[in-house]
């Protein structure tokens, strides 16, 4: 069986665990990795469908794009068995592309392969166990706890992606026909082919937007804007930017956070403590993000040195690069390699260095903007959807059933 597209297009089923606004539905879907992969595969003439679960009462987030999206209502065990059965019936791609080693994606992919023999590509863009303590996590329950976790209506083991199941599935990654990853941290842990997050550099093209018009449109005129176009979480270091702004104490500086956290009330906590220095914009569709990023003077990516940060390729990094913005980031994980010499780096968790660099950038803004233009050129060359497509072409060429 040839796995290269032909006159009869092959279909790829991309499986995601969560199509809600807290999962692959963020930014209307279009800005997250599963949708970037779909765009790249469409460039290679594959037919693509994204298939995922929606748990709870929240409606699915269906993006405004040409990528078909299907969903199954998900439930905890034992009802999840029915959800899984429906999910398996809907997987009809010639190739399965499972997002992350989770029971709800890779686990079900392996069940499907037992019957249908479709090859599986596993994409790992995060270390799931890092959210639970990583290698330190253990499940050592008493008999009473096991009973409570599995038989009570709200028992922890009824959750299909409980860390115990994540740990089991993580040990099965070698059963994939191919693995793609996007950071050196993940490559060292899982192996696989390096496939960086690409950006639609035609959409994210600064020539199409006027920064002053964007600032006026979003109520940002009159401010010098540091922008964090993502969901704040403690390991992302937003507090370090806010502490730096407190140290500088310059009334026209603002940190603009776009979208806020879909996970908890962390951004509300930031507003309560640092609201003087913050402007919070709502979530916008992915197609509008370039217009928003155009309003920034500087894009900030202040990751802290944690396992969760090391495993990630910050999409906001290429937001800034593609839009030719000066990028201020920390020396964490792959960030220095991604930026090259085309951004400004400080040590993680160091508000003093951040404050000094903010001051320097605005005192030398023409030079900083020139560096931003070089960052765009690097993004187009190494971190575009076209680059993803070229790498995926080779991955698919090497597949075997």
Protein backbone atom coordinates (compact mmCIF):
# COMPACT_ATOMS: atom_id res chain seq x y z
CA UNK A 1 0.00 0.00 0.00
CA UNK A 2 1.48 3.34 -1.04
CA UNK A 3 1.11 6.02 1.61
CA UNK A 4 1.90 8.94 -0.67
CA UNK A 5 -1.07 10.90 -2.06
CA UNK A 6 -2.10 10.06 -5.60
CA UNK A 7 -4.96 10.89 -7.93
CA UNK A 8 -7.17 9.26 -5.31
CA UNK A 9 -6.32 11.33 -2.26
CA UNK A 10 -5.39 9.48 0.89
CA UNK A 11 -7.10 10.58 4.08
CA UNK A 12 -5.43 11.36 7.40
CA UNK A 13 -7.46 11.19 10.62
CA UNK A 14 -5.96 13.53 13.21
CA UNK A 15 -7.10 12.52 16.69
CA UNK A 16 -7.26 15.01 19.55
CA UNK A 17 -8.41 14.40 23.08
CA UNK A 18 -10.24 17.68 23.67
CA UNK A 19 -12.01 19.95 21.20
CA UNK A 20 -13.20 22.38 23.87
CA UNK A 21 -11.83 25.91 24.36
CA UNK A 22 -9.37 24.49 26.91
CA UNK A 23 -7.96 22.07 24.36
CA UNK A 24 -7.57 22.06 20.59
CA UNK A 25 -10.41 24.57 20.32
CA UNK A 26 -8.28 27.43 21.64
CA UNK A 27 -8.20 30.41 19.27
CA UNK A 28 -11.04 28.85 17.33
CA UNK A 29 -8.81 25.90 16.64
CA UNK A 30 -6.65 27.42 13.95
CA UNK A 31 -3.61 28.37 16.00
CA UNK A 32 -2.85 25.09 17.76
CA UNK A 33 -0.65 22.24 16.62
CA UNK A 34 -3.30 19.81 15.40
CA UNK A 35 -4.65 22.43 13.00
CA UNK A 36 -1.16 23.44 11.88
CA UNK A 37 -0.47 19.78 11.04
CA UNK A 38 -3.73 19.64 9.10
CA UNK A 39 -2.79 22.73 7.09
CA UNK A 40 0.61 21.25 6.28
CA UNK A 41 -0.92 17.94 5.18
CA UNK A 42 -3.41 19.73 2.96
CA UNK A 43 -0.44 21.34 1.21
CA UNK A 44 0.74 17.80 0.49
CA UNK A 45 -2.63 16.96 -1.09
CA UNK A 46 -3.88 14.69 1.70
CA UNK A 47 -7.50 14.82 2.76
CA UNK A 48 -7.59 15.63 6.46
CA UNK A 49 -10.17 15.39 9.20
CA UNK A 50 -9.75 16.29 12.86
CA UNK A 51 -11.66 14.03 15.22
CA UNK A 52 -11.89 14.59 18.96
CA UNK A 53 -13.88 14.36 22.16
CA UNK A 54 -15.90 16.98 23.96
CA UNK A 55 -16.29 16.25 27.66
CA UNK A 56 -18.87 17.85 29.93
CA UNK A 57 -21.52 20.34 28.86
CA UNK A 58 -19.25 22.72 26.97
CA UNK A 59 -20.02 22.78 23.23
CA UNK A 60 -17.23 21.91 20.81
CA UNK A 61 -15.21 24.68 19.20
CA UNK A 62 -15.53 24.30 15.45
CA UNK A 63 -13.02 26.56 13.69
CA UNK A 64 -13.79 28.76 10.73
CA UNK A 65 -11.55 26.88 8.33
CA UNK A 66 -11.62 24.40 5.47
CA UNK A 67 -10.52 21.58 7.77
CA UNK A 68 -13.41 19.20 8.59
CA UNK A 69 -13.89 18.62 12.31
CA UNK A 70 -15.96 15.84 13.90
CA UNK A 71 -16.53 15.14 17.56
CA UNK A 72 -17.89 12.56 19.92
CA UNK A 73 -19.36 13.43 23.30
CA UNK A 74 -17.00 12.03 25.90
CA UNK A 75 -17.86 10.72 29.35
CA UNK A 76 -16.00 9.19 32.24
CA UNK A 77 -15.87 5.44 32.75
CA UNK A 78 -17.91 3.30 32.41
CA UNK A 79 -19.85 5.43 29.88
CA UNK A 80 -16.57 6.18 28.11
CA UNK A 81 -16.60 2.66 26.68
CA UNK A 82 -19.56 3.68 24.50
CA UNK A 83 -17.87 6.97 23.56
CA UNK A 84 -14.71 5.08 22.60
CA UNK A 85 -16.68 2.63 20.47
CA UNK A 86 -18.32 5.49 18.56
CA UNK A 87 -14.96 7.20 18.19
CA UNK A 88 -13.32 4.09 16.75
CA UNK A 89 -16.09 3.73 14.18
CA UNK A 90 -15.52 7.29 12.97
CA UNK A 91 -11.78 6.83 12.38
CA UNK A 92 -11.71 6.14 8.65
CA UNK A 93 -8.42 7.68 7.54
CA UNK A 94 -5.84 5.69 5.62
CA UNK A 95 -3.34 7.02 8.17
CA UNK A 96 -3.97 7.88 11.82
CA UNK A 97 -2.18 10.85 13.35
CA UNK A 98 -2.61 10.74 17.13
CA UNK A 99 -1.96 13.88 19.12
CA UNK A 100 -0.01 13.05 22.29
CA UNK A 101 0.40 9.65 24.01
CA UNK A 102 -2.98 9.71 25.75
CA UNK A 103 -5.52 6.91 26.12
CA UNK A 104 -8.13 9.02 24.30
CA UNK A 105 -5.89 9.42 21.22
CA UNK A 106 -2.91 7.08 20.91
CA UNK A 107 -4.52 4.37 23.05
CA UNK A 108 -7.61 4.24 20.84
CA UNK A 109 -5.39 4.44 17.73
CA UNK A 110 -3.66 1.22 18.76
CA UNK A 111 -7.03 -0.47 19.29
CA UNK A 112 -8.10 0.64 15.82
CA UNK A 113 -4.89 -0.68 14.29
CA UNK A 114 -5.46 -4.15 15.72
CA UNK A 115 -8.41 -4.52 13.35
CA UNK A 116 -7.74 -2.19 10.44
CA UNK A 117 -3.91 -2.10 10.25
CA UNK A 118 -3.77 1.65 9.52
CA UNK A 119 -0.31 3.04 10.26
CA UNK A 120 -0.11 5.40 13.25
CA UNK A 121 1.95 8.54 13.55
CA UNK A 122 2.20 9.82 17.10
CA UNK A 123 2.78 13.52 17.64
CA UNK A 124 4.16 14.52 21.03
CA UNK A 125 4.05 18.26 21.67
CA UNK A 126 3.94 18.13 25.46
CA UNK A 127 5.03 15.87 28.28
CA UNK A 128 1.68 14.99 29.81
CA UNK A 129 3.13 13.63 33.05
CA UNK A 130 4.96 16.91 33.69
CA UNK A 131 1.65 18.31 34.93
CA UNK A 132 1.62 15.67 37.69
CA UNK A 133 5.24 15.78 38.85
CA UNK A 134 6.91 13.93 35.98
CA UNK A 135 9.10 11.00 36.98
CA UNK A 136 8.18 11.54 40.64
CA UNK A 137 4.52 10.74 40.08
CA UNK A 138 3.38 7.45 41.59
CA UNK A 139 0.01 5.86 42.16
CA UNK A 140 0.30 3.94 45.43
CA UNK A 141 -3.23 3.77 46.76
CA UNK A 142 -4.66 1.94 49.68
CA UNK A 143 -7.43 -0.60 48.93
CA UNK A 144 -9.92 1.97 50.18
CA UNK A 145 -8.59 4.60 47.78
CA UNK A 146 -8.69 2.20 44.82
CA UNK A 147 -12.32 1.48 45.60
CA UNK A 148 -13.12 5.17 45.93
CA UNK A 149 -11.18 6.17 42.77
CA UNK A 150 -12.83 3.60 40.55
CA UNK A 151 -16.30 2.92 41.95
CA UNK A 152 -17.44 6.31 43.21
CA UNK A 153 -19.27 8.45 40.63
CA UNK A 154 -16.56 11.11 40.78
CA UNK A 155 -13.67 8.68 41.27
CA UNK A 156 -10.35 9.80 39.80
CA UNK A 157 -9.77 6.56 37.87
CA UNK A 158 -13.00 7.08 35.97
CA UNK A 159 -11.30 9.92 34.08
CA UNK A 160 -10.08 8.45 30.75
CA UNK A 161 -6.80 10.41 30.77
CA UNK A 162 -5.93 9.90 34.42
CA UNK A 163 -2.12 10.05 34.97
CA UNK A 164 -2.02 6.32 35.74
CA UNK A 165 -3.35 5.62 32.25
CA UNK A 166 -1.09 8.31 30.77
CA UNK A 167 1.90 6.53 32.29
CA UNK A 168 0.81 3.19 30.79
CA UNK A 169 0.26 4.67 27.33
CA UNK A 170 3.52 6.62 27.46
CA UNK A 171 5.29 3.28 27.80
CA UNK A 172 3.74 2.14 24.51
CA UNK A 173 5.01 4.93 22.24
CA UNK A 174 7.42 2.59 20.42
CA UNK A 175 4.37 0.90 18.88
CA UNK A 176 3.82 3.95 16.66
CA UNK A 177 4.97 3.67 13.05
CA UNK A 178 6.52 7.13 13.40
CA UNK A 179 6.83 9.81 16.06
CA UNK A 180 7.03 13.56 15.53
CA UNK A 181 8.17 15.96 18.24
CA UNK A 182 8.96 19.67 18.42
CA UNK A 183 11.59 20.15 21.14
CA UNK A 184 14.96 18.65 21.99
CA UNK A 185 13.62 17.75 25.44
CA UNK A 186 10.93 15.56 23.89
CA UNK A 187 13.34 14.08 21.37
CA UNK A 188 15.65 12.94 24.16
CA UNK A 189 12.70 11.36 25.98
CA UNK A 190 10.77 9.81 23.09
CA UNK A 191 12.96 9.94 19.98
CA UNK A 192 11.25 10.76 16.72
CA UNK A 193 11.49 13.32 13.94
CA UNK A 194 11.89 16.99 14.77
CA UNK A 195 8.85 18.82 13.40
CA UNK A 196 8.77 22.42 14.64
CA UNK A 197 5.55 24.36 14.93
CA UNK A 198 5.00 26.24 11.71
CA UNK A 199 3.34 29.57 11.23
CA UNK A 200 1.17 30.66 8.34
CA UNK A 201 3.65 33.36 7.34
CA UNK A 202 1.33 34.62 4.59
CA UNK A 203 -1.38 35.34 7.15
CA UNK A 204 1.16 36.53 9.72
CA UNK A 205 2.74 39.09 7.40
CA UNK A 206 3.42 42.53 8.89
CA UNK A 207 3.07 44.16 5.47
CA UNK A 208 -0.68 43.53 5.68
CA UNK A 209 -1.24 45.42 8.94
CA UNK A 210 -0.70 48.90 10.33
CA UNK A 211 0.48 48.90 13.96
CA UNK A 212 -1.05 52.27 14.82
CA UNK A 213 -4.39 51.24 13.36
CA UNK A 214 -4.25 48.00 15.33
CA UNK A 215 -3.48 49.82 18.56
CA UNK A 216 -6.41 52.17 17.95
CA UNK A 217 -8.71 49.27 17.08
CA UNK A 218 -8.02 47.41 20.34
CA UNK A 219 -7.87 50.43 22.65
CA UNK A 220 -4.09 50.38 23.03
CA UNK A 221 -3.18 53.79 21.61
CA UNK A 222 -0.84 55.86 23.74
CA UNK A 223 0.83 52.86 25.37
CA UNK A 224 4.12 51.08 24.75
CA UNK A 225 2.88 47.53 24.39
CA UNK A 226 4.52 44.33 25.60
CA UNK A 227 2.31 41.52 24.36
CA UNK A 228 1.83 37.98 25.62
CA UNK A 229 -0.52 36.42 23.02
CA UNK A 230 -1.34 33.28 24.96
CA UNK A 231 -2.84 31.69 28.06
CA UNK A 232 -0.94 32.70 31.22
CA UNK A 233 0.17 29.92 33.54
CA UNK A 234 2.73 30.11 36.34
CA UNK A 235 5.51 28.38 34.38
CA UNK A 236 5.13 30.88 31.52
CA UNK A 237 6.70 33.63 33.61
CA UNK A 238 4.16 36.42 33.08
CA UNK A 239 4.65 37.50 36.69
CA UNK A 240 8.32 38.18 35.93
CA UNK A 241 7.28 40.67 33.24
CA UNK A 242 4.87 42.35 35.65
CA UNK A 243 7.52 42.59 38.36
CA UNK A 244 9.84 44.17 35.80
CA UNK A 245 7.17 46.74 34.91
CA UNK A 246 6.74 47.48 38.61
CA UNK A 247 10.48 48.11 38.88
CA UNK A 248 10.51 50.38 35.82
CA UNK A 249 7.39 52.23 37.01
CA UNK A 250 6.85 53.96 33.66
CA UNK A 251 3.16 54.83 33.29
CA UNK A 252 2.85 54.22 29.53
CA UNK A 253 4.15 50.63 29.63
CA UNK A 254 1.55 47.87 29.55
CA UNK A 255 1.56 44.09 29.33
CA UNK A 256 -1.29 42.99 27.04
CA UNK A 257 -2.53 39.43 27.58
CA UNK A 258 -4.68 38.05 24.78
CA UNK A 259 -7.29 35.41 25.47
CA UNK A 260 -6.59 34.64 29.10
CA UNK A 261 -6.44 31.25 30.74
CA UNK A 262 -9.08 28.66 29.77
CA UNK A 263 -7.87 26.41 32.61
CA UNK A 264 -8.41 28.38 35.81
CA UNK A 265 -8.59 31.90 37.26
CA UNK A 266 -4.83 32.54 37.14
CA UNK A 267 -5.17 35.59 34.89
CA UNK A 268 -7.75 37.02 37.32
CA UNK A 269 -5.20 36.57 40.10
CA UNK A 270 -2.66 38.46 38.00
CA UNK A 271 -5.15 41.27 37.42
CA UNK A 272 -5.88 41.54 41.12
CA UNK A 273 -2.20 41.91 41.99
CA UNK A 274 -0.75 43.60 38.92
CA UNK A 275 -3.77 45.17 37.23
CA UNK A 276 -2.09 48.56 37.06
CA UNK A 277 0.28 47.21 34.42
CA UNK A 278 -2.05 44.88 32.52
CA UNK A 279 -4.56 45.09 29.72
CA UNK A 280 -6.51 41.91 29.09
CA UNK A 281 -8.01 41.36 25.66
CA UNK A 282 -10.62 38.65 25.05
CA UNK A 283 -10.04 35.58 22.92
CA UNK A 284 -10.26 36.19 19.19
CA UNK A 285 -10.44 33.81 16.21
CA UNK A 286 -7.05 32.67 14.97
CA UNK A 287 -7.50 34.61 11.73
CA UNK A 288 -7.57 37.86 13.72
CA UNK A 289 -4.42 37.17 15.74
CA UNK A 290 -2.00 38.81 13.26
CA UNK A 291 -3.99 42.04 13.48
CA UNK A 292 -3.70 41.88 17.27
CA UNK A 293 0.01 41.03 17.33
CA UNK A 294 0.58 43.94 14.95
CA UNK A 295 -0.36 46.24 17.85
CA UNK A 296 2.61 45.08 19.94
CA UNK A 297 5.88 46.93 20.23
CA UNK A 298 7.51 43.85 21.78
CA UNK A 299 6.34 40.23 22.09
CA UNK A 300 7.39 38.59 25.37
CA UNK A 301 7.98 34.87 25.97
CA UNK A 302 9.28 34.72 29.57
CA UNK A 303 9.17 30.93 30.16
CA UNK A 304 10.48 29.65 33.47
CA UNK A 305 12.85 26.69 33.67
CA UNK A 306 10.39 23.89 34.45
CA UNK A 307 9.74 20.47 32.81
CA UNK A 308 6.47 21.78 31.38
CA UNK A 309 8.25 24.71 29.73
CA UNK A 310 11.14 22.58 28.47
CA UNK A 311 8.71 20.27 26.66
CA UNK A 312 6.93 23.07 24.80
CA UNK A 313 7.52 25.05 21.64
CA UNK A 314 5.83 28.38 22.49
CA UNK A 315 3.55 29.33 19.61
CA UNK A 316 3.65 32.94 20.75
CA UNK A 317 7.35 32.94 19.87
CA UNK A 318 6.64 32.46 16.17
CA UNK A 319 3.69 34.87 16.43
CA UNK A 320 6.21 37.60 17.21
CA UNK A 321 8.85 36.38 14.77
CA UNK A 322 6.45 36.13 11.82
CA UNK A 323 5.14 39.62 12.52
CA UNK A 324 8.71 41.03 12.62
CA UNK A 325 8.36 42.13 16.24
CA UNK A 326 11.25 42.40 18.68
CA UNK A 327 11.00 39.27 20.83
CA UNK A 328 12.08 39.27 24.47
CA UNK A 329 12.37 35.73 25.80
CA UNK A 330 14.20 33.58 28.32
CA UNK A 331 17.01 31.07 27.85
CA UNK A 332 14.79 28.05 28.39
CA UNK A 333 14.55 24.89 26.32
CA UNK A 334 14.69 25.40 22.56
CA UNK A 335 13.93 29.14 22.65
CA UNK A 336 17.55 30.26 22.02
CA UNK A 337 17.81 27.87 19.05
CA UNK A 338 14.49 29.03 17.58
CA UNK A 339 15.34 32.72 17.85
CA UNK A 340 18.98 32.41 16.84
CA UNK A 341 20.56 35.85 17.05
CA UNK A 342 17.30 37.52 16.14
CA UNK A 343 15.81 38.30 19.53
CA UNK A 344 16.64 39.33 23.07
CA UNK A 345 17.34 36.69 25.71
CA UNK A 346 17.51 36.92 29.50
CA UNK A 347 17.81 34.34 32.24
CA UNK A 348 14.54 32.76 33.44
CA UNK A 349 12.83 34.08 36.59
CA UNK A 350 14.91 37.26 36.51
CA UNK A 351 12.70 40.40 36.54
CA UNK A 352 15.78 42.63 36.93
CA UNK A 353 17.24 41.47 33.62
CA UNK A 354 13.83 41.77 31.96
CA UNK A 355 13.48 45.35 33.19
CA UNK A 356 16.94 46.25 31.85
CA UNK A 357 16.19 44.68 28.46
CA UNK A 358 12.80 46.38 28.15
CA UNK A 359 14.49 49.71 28.85
CA UNK A 360 17.20 49.00 26.26
CA UNK A 361 14.75 47.89 23.55
CA UNK A 362 12.66 51.05 23.79
CA UNK A 363 15.76 53.23 23.85
CA UNK A 364 16.98 51.49 20.67
CA UNK A 365 13.69 50.69 19.00
CA UNK A 366 14.89 51.12 15.42
CA UNK A 367 17.64 48.56 16.02
CA UNK A 368 15.17 46.26 17.78
CA UNK A 369 12.71 46.49 14.88
CA UNK A 370 15.50 45.63 12.43
CA UNK A 371 16.24 42.54 14.50
CA UNK A 372 12.53 41.74 14.39
CA UNK A 373 12.64 41.81 10.61
CA UNK A 374 15.51 39.31 10.67
CA UNK A 375 13.43 37.15 13.01
CA UNK A 376 10.65 37.09 10.40
CA UNK A 377 13.11 35.97 7.73
CA UNK A 378 14.24 33.16 10.02
CA UNK A 379 10.62 32.20 10.72
CA UNK A 380 9.77 32.02 7.02
CA UNK A 381 12.81 29.82 6.37
CA UNK A 382 12.65 27.45 9.33
CA UNK A 383 9.28 27.76 11.10
CA UNK A 384 6.56 28.06 8.47
CA UNK A 385 3.71 25.71 7.56
CA UNK A 386 5.59 25.09 4.30
CA UNK A 387 8.58 23.86 6.34
CA UNK A 388 6.27 21.54 8.28
CA UNK A 389 4.91 20.20 5.00
CA UNK A 390 8.40 19.43 3.69
CA UNK A 391 9.29 17.47 6.83
CA UNK A 392 5.95 15.64 6.89
CA UNK A 393 6.42 14.61 3.26
CA UNK A 394 9.51 12.67 4.29
CA UNK A 395 7.85 11.21 7.41
CA UNK A 396 4.95 9.88 5.33
CA UNK A 397 7.29 8.59 2.62
CA UNK A 398 9.02 6.44 5.26
CA UNK A 399 5.81 4.97 6.66
CA UNK A 400 5.09 1.27 6.38
CA UNK A 401 1.94 -0.56 7.33
